[in-house]
Amino acid sequence: MNGGTARDLLDIPFYHPTLEEGMKPALRAICKAASLDTSATRDSGNPPGA
């Protein structure tokens, strides 16, 4: 995806709800494992938007 990091990918919209439900938690887990800051402005709900 254009060389973006997991943190970058959290900022882009996913227009397919099933894809978003799988990707957002996985990207958050990657950021947590890599000790990357996931800002409070990002949607941290699971499912997304919750």
PDB file of N, CA and C in Angstrom:
ATOM      1  N   MET A   1       0.837  -1.187   0.000  1.00  0.00           N
ATOM      2  CA  MET A   1       0.000   0.000   0.000  1.00  0.00           C
ATOM      3  C   MET A   1       0.876   1.242   0.000  1.00  0.00           C
ATOM      4  N   ASN A   2       1.550   1.474  -1.026  1.00  0.00           N
ATOM      5  CA  ASN A   2       2.344   2.684  -1.208  1.00  0.00           C
ATOM      6  C   ASN A   2       3.420   2.882  -0.150  1.00  0.00           C
ATOM      7  N   GLY A   3       3.906   1.836   0.454  1.00  0.00           N
ATOM      8  CA  GLY A   3       4.987   1.951   1.413  1.00  0.00           C
ATOM      9  C   GLY A   3       4.595   2.507   2.768  1.00  0.00           C
ATOM     10  N   GLY A   4       3.309   2.542   3.080  1.00  0.00           N
ATOM     11  CA  GLY A   4       2.858   3.083   4.357  1.00  0.00           C
ATOM     12  C   GLY A   4       3.141   2.127   5.512  1.00  0.00           C
ATOM     13  N   THR A   5       3.287   2.710   6.698  1.00  0.00           N
ATOM     14  CA  THR A   5       3.475   1.912   7.900  1.00  0.00           C
ATOM     15  C   THR A   5       2.112   1.542   8.480  1.00  0.00           C
ATOM     16  N   ALA A   6       2.119   0.661   9.470  1.00  0.00           N
ATOM     17  CA  ALA A   6       0.863   0.283  10.130  1.00  0.00           C
ATOM     18  C   ALA A   6       0.189   1.520  10.711  1.00  0.00           C
ATOM     19  N   ARG A   7       0.979   2.409  11.290  1.00  0.00           N
ATOM     20  CA  ARG A   7       0.424   3.642  11.857  1.00  0.00           C
ATOM     21  C   ARG A   7      -0.191   4.510  10.759  1.00  0.00           C
ATOM     22  N   ASP A   8       0.460   4.583   9.599  1.00  0.00           N
ATOM     23  CA  ASP A   8      -0.092   5.351   8.473  1.00  0.00           C
ATOM     24  C   ASP A   8      -1.408   4.748   7.993  1.00  0.00           C
ATOM     25  N   LEU A   9      -1.455   3.432   7.940  1.00  0.00           N
ATOM     26  CA  LEU A   9      -2.653   2.760   7.439  1.00  0.00           C
ATOM     27  C   LEU A   9      -3.852   2.940   8.358  1.00  0.00           C
ATOM     28  N   LEU A  10      -3.607   3.171   9.646  1.00  0.00           N
ATOM     29  CA  LEU A  10      -4.720   3.442  10.562  1.00  0.00           C
ATOM     30  C   LEU A  10      -5.429   4.748  10.225  1.00  0.00           C
ATOM     31  N   ASP A  11      -4.735   5.646   9.536  1.00  0.00           N
ATOM     32  CA  ASP A  11      -5.314   6.948   9.199  1.00  0.00           C
ATOM     33  C   ASP A  11      -6.147   6.949   7.930  1.00  0.00           C
ATOM     34  N   ILE A  12      -6.037   5.903   7.117  1.00  0.00           N
ATOM     35  CA  ILE A  12      -6.794   5.913   5.863  1.00  0.00           C
ATOM     36  C   ILE A  12      -8.137   5.219   6.056  1.00  0.00           C
ATOM     37  N   PRO A  13      -9.146   5.667   5.321  1.00  0.00           N
ATOM     38  CA  PRO A  13     -10.458   5.028   5.434  1.00  0.00           C
ATOM     39  C   PRO A  13     -10.486   3.691   4.689  1.00  0.00           C
ATOM     40  N   PHE A  14     -11.187   2.762   5.263  1.00  0.00           N
ATOM     41  CA  PHE A  14     -11.465   1.488   4.596  1.00  0.00           C
ATOM     42  C   PHE A  14     -12.944   1.513   4.259  1.00  0.00           C
ATOM     43  N   TYR A  15     -13.263   1.401   2.991  1.00  0.00           N
ATOM     44  CA  TYR A  15     -14.636   1.564   2.555  1.00  0.00           C
ATOM     45  C   TYR A  15     -15.415   0.253   2.549  1.00  0.00           C
ATOM     46  N   HIS A  16     -14.814  -0.804   3.033  1.00  0.00           N
ATOM     47  CA  HIS A  16     -15.504  -2.085   3.138  1.00  0.00           C
ATOM     48  C   HIS A  16     -15.517  -2.467   4.608  1.00  0.00           C
ATOM     49  N   PRO A  17     -16.707  -2.565   5.234  1.00  0.00           N
ATOM     50  CA  PRO A  17     -16.768  -2.792   6.679  1.00  0.00           C
ATOM     51  C   PRO A  17     -16.077  -4.076   7.138  1.00  0.00           C
ATOM     52  N   THR A  18     -16.180  -5.141   6.393  1.00  0.00           N
ATOM     53  CA  THR A  18     -15.545  -6.397   6.799  1.00  0.00           C
ATOM     54  C   THR A  18     -14.036  -6.266   6.757  1.00  0.00           C
ATOM     55  N   LEU A  19     -13.513  -5.614   5.743  1.00  0.00           N
ATOM     56  CA  LEU A  19     -12.079  -5.375   5.649  1.00  0.00           C
ATOM     57  C   LEU A  19     -11.614  -4.515   6.819  1.00  0.00           C
ATOM     58  N   GLU A  20     -12.373  -3.472   7.126  1.00  0.00           N
ATOM     59  CA  GLU A  20     -12.011  -2.590   8.231  1.00  0.00           C
ATOM     60  C   GLU A  20     -12.029  -3.342   9.559  1.00  0.00           C
ATOM     61  N   GLU A  21     -13.025  -4.189   9.776  1.00  0.00           N
ATOM     62  CA  GLU A  21     -13.130  -4.938  11.024  1.00  0.00           C
ATOM     63  C   GLU A  21     -11.937  -5.866  11.231  1.00  0.00           C
ATOM     64  N   GLY A  22     -11.348  -6.348  10.155  1.00  0.00           N
ATOM     65  CA  GLY A  22     -10.174  -7.202  10.272  1.00  0.00           C
ATOM     66  C   GLY A  22      -8.876  -6.418  10.321  1.00  0.00           C
ATOM     67  N   MET A  23      -8.784  -5.372   9.519  1.00  0.00           N
ATOM     68  CA  MET A  23      -7.534  -4.629   9.396  1.00  0.00           C
ATOM     69  C   MET A  23      -7.231  -3.735  10.592  1.00  0.00           C
ATOM     70  N   LYS A  24      -8.208  -2.972  11.059  1.00  0.00           N
ATOM     71  CA  LYS A  24      -7.942  -2.000  12.123  1.00  0.00           C
ATOM     72  C   LYS A  24      -7.422  -2.669  13.400  1.00  0.00           C
ATOM     73  N   PRO A  25      -8.033  -3.744  13.907  1.00  0.00           N
ATOM     74  CA  PRO A  25      -7.476  -4.387  15.096  1.00  0.00           C
ATOM     75  C   PRO A  25      -6.077  -4.964  14.851  1.00  0.00           C
ATOM     76  N   ALA A  26      -5.852  -5.503  13.665  1.00  0.00           N
ATOM     77  CA  ALA A  26      -4.530  -6.055  13.347  1.00  0.00           C
ATOM     78  C   ALA A  26      -3.482  -4.944  13.284  1.00  0.00           C
ATOM     79  N   LEU A  27      -3.829  -3.823  12.687  1.00  0.00           N
ATOM     80  CA  LEU A  27      -2.892  -2.697  12.616  1.00  0.00           C
ATOM     81  C   LEU A  27      -2.600  -2.130  14.003  1.00  0.00           C
ATOM     82  N   ARG A  28      -3.644  -2.071  14.865  1.00  0.00           N
ATOM     83  CA  ARG A  28      -3.422  -1.605  16.233  1.00  0.00           C
ATOM     84  C   ARG A  28      -2.489  -2.555  16.981  1.00  0.00           C
ATOM     85  N   ALA A  29      -2.657  -3.862  16.771  1.00  0.00           N
ATOM     86  CA  ALA A  29      -1.796  -4.852  17.431  1.00  0.00           C
ATOM     87  C   ALA A  29      -0.347  -4.712  16.970  1.00  0.00           C
ATOM     88  N   ILE A  30      -0.146  -4.457  15.679  1.00  0.00           N
ATOM     89  CA  ILE A  30       1.199  -4.244  15.150  1.00  0.00           C
ATOM     90  C   ILE A  30       1.823  -3.014  15.804  1.00  0.00           C
ATOM     91  N   CYS A  31       1.067  -1.934  15.880  1.00  0.00           N
ATOM     92  CA  CYS A  31       1.584  -0.707  16.492  1.00  0.00           C
ATOM     93  C   CYS A  31       1.928  -0.943  17.956  1.00  0.00           C
ATOM     94  N   LYS A  32       1.074  -1.668  18.658  1.00  0.00           N
ATOM     95  CA  LYS A  32       1.343  -1.950  20.070  1.00  0.00           C
ATOM     96  C   LYS A  32       2.606  -2.801  20.226  1.00  0.00           C
ATOM     97  N   ALA A  33       2.752  -3.828  19.395  1.00  0.00           N
ATOM     98  CA  ALA A  33       3.924  -4.702  19.468  1.00  0.00           C
ATOM     99  C   ALA A  33       5.207  -3.954  19.130  1.00  0.00           C
ATOM    100  N   ALA A  34       5.107  -2.961  18.248  1.00  0.00           N
ATOM    101  CA  ALA A  34       6.278  -2.176  17.849  1.00  0.00           C
ATOM    102  C   ALA A  34       6.459  -0.930  18.716  1.00  0.00           C
ATOM    103  N   SER A  35       5.637  -0.801  19.756  1.00  0.00           N
ATOM    104  CA  SER A  35       5.673   0.356  20.658  1.00  0.00           C
ATOM    105  C   SER A  35       5.508   1.670  19.911  1.00  0.00           C
ATOM    106  N   LEU A  36       4.632   1.674  18.912  1.00  0.00           N
ATOM    107  CA  LEU A  36       4.337   2.889  18.165  1.00  0.00           C
ATOM    108  C   LEU A  36       3.155   3.601  18.806  1.00  0.00           C
ATOM    109  N   ASP A  37       3.230   4.898  18.874  1.00  0.00           N
ATOM    110  CA  ASP A  37       2.143   5.686  19.437  1.00  0.00           C
ATOM    111  C   ASP A  37       0.954   5.653  18.491  1.00  0.00           C
ATOM    112  N   THR A  38      -0.190   5.317  19.028  1.00  0.00           N
ATOM    113  CA  THR A  38      -1.431   5.437  18.260  1.00  0.00           C
ATOM    114  C   THR A  38      -2.229   6.536  18.932  1.00  0.00           C
ATOM    115  N   SER A  39      -2.244   7.667  18.311  1.00  0.00           N
ATOM    116  CA  SER A  39      -2.823   8.869  18.887  1.00  0.00           C
ATOM    117  C   SER A  39      -4.287   8.679  19.246  1.00  0.00           C
ATOM    118  N   ALA A  40      -4.726   9.473  20.198  1.00  0.00           N
ATOM    119  CA  ALA A  40      -6.114   9.414  20.665  1.00  0.00           C
ATOM    120  C   ALA A  40      -7.093   9.843  19.597  1.00  0.00           C
ATOM    121  N   THR A  41      -6.618  10.475  18.524  1.00  0.00           N
ATOM    122  CA  THR A  41      -7.514  10.913  17.460  1.00  0.00           C
ATOM    123  C   THR A  41      -7.935   9.765  16.571  1.00  0.00           C
ATOM    124  N   ARG A  42      -7.232   8.647  16.654  1.00  0.00           N
ATOM    125  CA  ARG A  42      -7.586   7.500  15.818  1.00  0.00           C
ATOM    126  C   ARG A  42      -8.712   6.716  16.461  1.00  0.00           C
ATOM    127  N   ASP A  43      -9.556   6.127  15.635  1.00  0.00           N
ATOM    128  CA  ASP A  43     -10.642   5.288  16.113  1.00  0.00           C
ATOM    129  C   ASP A  43     -10.059   4.035  16.743  1.00  0.00           C
ATOM    130  N   SER A  44     -10.300   3.847  18.038  1.00  0.00           N
ATOM    131  CA  SER A  44      -9.769   2.664  18.697  1.00  0.00           C
ATOM    132  C   SER A  44     -10.872   1.678  19.050  1.00  0.00           C
ATOM    133  N   GLY A  45     -12.067   1.910  18.557  1.00  0.00           N
ATOM    134  CA  GLY A  45     -13.174   1.025  18.852  1.00  0.00           C
ATOM    135  C   GLY A  45     -13.044  -0.317  18.163  1.00  0.00           C
ATOM    136  N   ASN A  46     -13.643  -1.315  18.765  1.00  0.00           N
ATOM    137  CA  ASN A  46     -13.674  -2.635  18.147  1.00  0.00           C
ATOM    138  C   ASN A  46     -15.056  -3.192  18.378  1.00  0.00           C
ATOM    139  N   PRO A  47     -15.913  -3.277  17.387  1.00  0.00           N
ATOM    140  CA  PRO A  47     -15.618  -3.004  15.985  1.00  0.00           C
ATOM    141  C   PRO A  47     -15.379  -1.521  15.761  1.00  0.00           C
ATOM    142  N   PRO A  48     -14.700  -1.203  14.665  1.00  0.00           N
ATOM    143  CA  PRO A  48     -14.394   0.190  14.370  1.00  0.00           C
ATOM    144  C   PRO A  48     -15.637   1.063  14.429  1.00  0.00           C
ATOM    145  N   GLY A  49     -15.479   2.219  15.009  1.00  0.00           N
ATOM    146  CA  GLY A  49     -16.592   3.147  15.143  1.00  0.00           C
ATOM    147  C   GLY A  49     -17.390   2.957  16.419  1.00  0.00           C
ATOM    148  N   ALA A  50     -17.106   1.866  17.164  1.00  0.00           N
ATOM    149  CA  ALA A  50     -17.870   1.611  18.396  1.00  0.00           C
ATOM    150  C   ALA A  50     -17.390   2.480  19.518  1.00  0.00           C
TER     151      ALA A  50
END
